[in-house]
Amino acid sequence: MAPVASSLISIVLAFISPLASILSFLLTLIFVFLIRMKRFSKDNFDDIDLTDDEKEFIGNIRKCIYGE
């Protein structure tokens, strides 16, 4: 929902000012980055005893979700 809303806002701002549209897009990217970092810090599986395969699987999921 958020990407759609930010895209619509950027399109509307493009008619007003191209600079405002670009700034809106950059602000969206910053917010997405901050939200991903906040969620990544909450994902804590250190206290759980996992096998190496399970740790690798969770690591692959994290890479898919948060990027490298």
C-alpha atoms as a PDB file:
ATOM      1  CA  MET A   1       0.000   0.000   0.000  1.00  0.00           C
ATOM      2  CA  ALA A   2       2.792   2.423   0.872  1.00  0.00           C
ATOM      3  CA  PRO A   3       4.576   2.142  -2.511  1.00  0.00           C
ATOM      4  CA  VAL A   4       1.312   2.856  -4.326  1.00  0.00           C
ATOM      5  CA  ALA A   5       0.565   5.862  -2.148  1.00  0.00           C
ATOM      6  CA  SER A   6       4.070   7.260  -2.518  1.00  0.00           C
ATOM      7  CA  SER A   7       3.945   6.761  -6.297  1.00  0.00           C
ATOM      8  CA  LEU A   8       0.651   8.622  -6.524  1.00  0.00           C
ATOM      9  CA  ILE A   9       2.022  11.452  -4.411  1.00  0.00           C
ATOM     10  CA  SER A  10       5.122  11.639  -6.606  1.00  0.00           C
ATOM     11  CA  ILE A  11       2.993  11.784  -9.758  1.00  0.00           C
ATOM     12  CA  VAL A  12       0.846  14.575  -8.338  1.00  0.00           C
ATOM     13  CA  LEU A  13       3.936  16.491  -7.233  1.00  0.00           C
ATOM     14  CA  ALA A  14       5.451  16.061 -10.700  1.00  0.00           C
ATOM     15  CA  PHE A  15       2.727  18.346 -12.061  1.00  0.00           C
ATOM     16  CA  ILE A  16       3.504  20.931  -9.407  1.00  0.00           C
ATOM     17  CA  SER A  17       7.286  20.712  -9.381  1.00  0.00           C
ATOM     18  CA  PRO A  18       9.679  18.080 -10.706  1.00  0.00           C
ATOM     19  CA  LEU A  19      12.019  18.753  -7.804  1.00  0.00           C
ATOM     20  CA  ALA A  20       9.241  18.066  -5.287  1.00  0.00           C
ATOM     21  CA  SER A  21       8.505  14.768  -7.020  1.00  0.00           C
ATOM     22  CA  ILE A  22      12.154  13.703  -6.842  1.00  0.00           C
ATOM     23  CA  LEU A  23      12.386  14.709  -3.187  1.00  0.00           C
ATOM     24  CA  SER A  24       9.230  12.734  -2.415  1.00  0.00           C
ATOM     25  CA  PHE A  25      10.738   9.668  -4.098  1.00  0.00           C
ATOM     26  CA  LEU A  26      14.003  10.025  -2.149  1.00  0.00           C
ATOM     27  CA  LEU A  27      12.101  10.456   1.101  1.00  0.00           C
ATOM     28  CA  THR A  28      10.210   7.245   0.373  1.00  0.00           C
ATOM     29  CA  LEU A  29      13.470   5.382  -0.212  1.00  0.00           C
ATOM     30  CA  ILE A  30      14.864   6.653   3.081  1.00  0.00           C
ATOM     31  CA  PHE A  31      11.740   5.579   4.983  1.00  0.00           C
ATOM     32  CA  VAL A  32      11.809   2.114   3.412  1.00  0.00           C
ATOM     33  CA  PHE A  33      15.463   1.741   4.407  1.00  0.00           C
ATOM     34  CA  LEU A  34      14.746   2.821   7.994  1.00  0.00           C
ATOM     35  CA  ILE A  35      11.784   0.454   8.300  1.00  0.00           C
ATOM     36  CA  ARG A  36      13.863  -2.464   6.992  1.00  0.00           C
ATOM     37  CA  MET A  37      16.659  -1.739   9.441  1.00  0.00           C
ATOM     38  CA  LYS A  38      14.198  -1.511  12.331  1.00  0.00           C
ATOM     39  CA  ARG A  39      12.618  -4.849  11.391  1.00  0.00           C
ATOM     40  CA  PHE A  40      16.033  -6.457  10.904  1.00  0.00           C
ATOM     41  CA  SER A  41      17.080  -5.479  14.415  1.00  0.00           C
ATOM     42  CA  LYS A  42      13.929  -7.146  15.822  1.00  0.00           C
ATOM     43  CA  ASP A  43      14.655 -10.461  14.090  1.00  0.00           C
ATOM     44  CA  ASN A  44      16.749 -12.106  16.758  1.00  0.00           C
ATOM     45  CA  PHE A  45      17.266 -15.858  16.651  1.00  0.00           C
ATOM     46  CA  ASP A  46      20.493 -15.885  18.670  1.00  0.00           C
ATOM     47  CA  ASP A  47      18.864 -17.352  21.789  1.00  0.00           C
ATOM     48  CA  ILE A  48      17.434 -20.333  19.899  1.00  0.00           C
ATOM     49  CA  ASP A  49      19.451 -23.495  19.295  1.00  0.00           C
ATOM     50  CA  LEU A  50      19.361 -24.107  15.540  1.00  0.00           C
ATOM     51  CA  THR A  51      21.151 -26.508  13.261  1.00  0.00           C
ATOM     52  CA  ASP A  52      23.529 -25.179  10.625  1.00  0.00           C
ATOM     53  CA  ASP A  53      20.965 -25.851   7.893  1.00  0.00           C
ATOM     54  CA  GLU A  54      18.301 -23.895   9.758  1.00  0.00           C
ATOM     55  CA  LYS A  55      20.686 -20.972  10.318  1.00  0.00           C
ATOM     56  CA  GLU A  56      21.575 -20.965   6.635  1.00  0.00           C
ATOM     57  CA  PHE A  57      17.879 -21.062   5.695  1.00  0.00           C
ATOM     58  CA  ILE A  58      17.090 -18.110   7.984  1.00  0.00           C
ATOM     59  CA  GLY A  59      20.095 -16.239   6.592  1.00  0.00           C
ATOM     60  CA  ASN A  60      18.824 -16.763   3.050  1.00  0.00           C
ATOM     61  CA  ILE A  61      15.386 -15.496   4.032  1.00  0.00           C
ATOM     62  CA  ARG A  62      16.926 -12.398   5.605  1.00  0.00           C
ATOM     63  CA  LYS A  63      18.945 -11.730   2.436  1.00  0.00           C
ATOM     64  CA  CYS A  64      15.773 -12.010   0.345  1.00  0.00           C
ATOM     65  CA  ILE A  65      13.791  -9.689   2.583  1.00  0.00           C
ATOM     66  CA  TYR A  66      16.373  -7.111   3.636  1.00  0.00           C
ATOM     67  CA  GLY A  67      18.984  -7.397   0.902  1.00  0.00           C
ATOM     68  CA  GLU A  68      22.682  -7.688   1.485  1.00  0.00           C
END
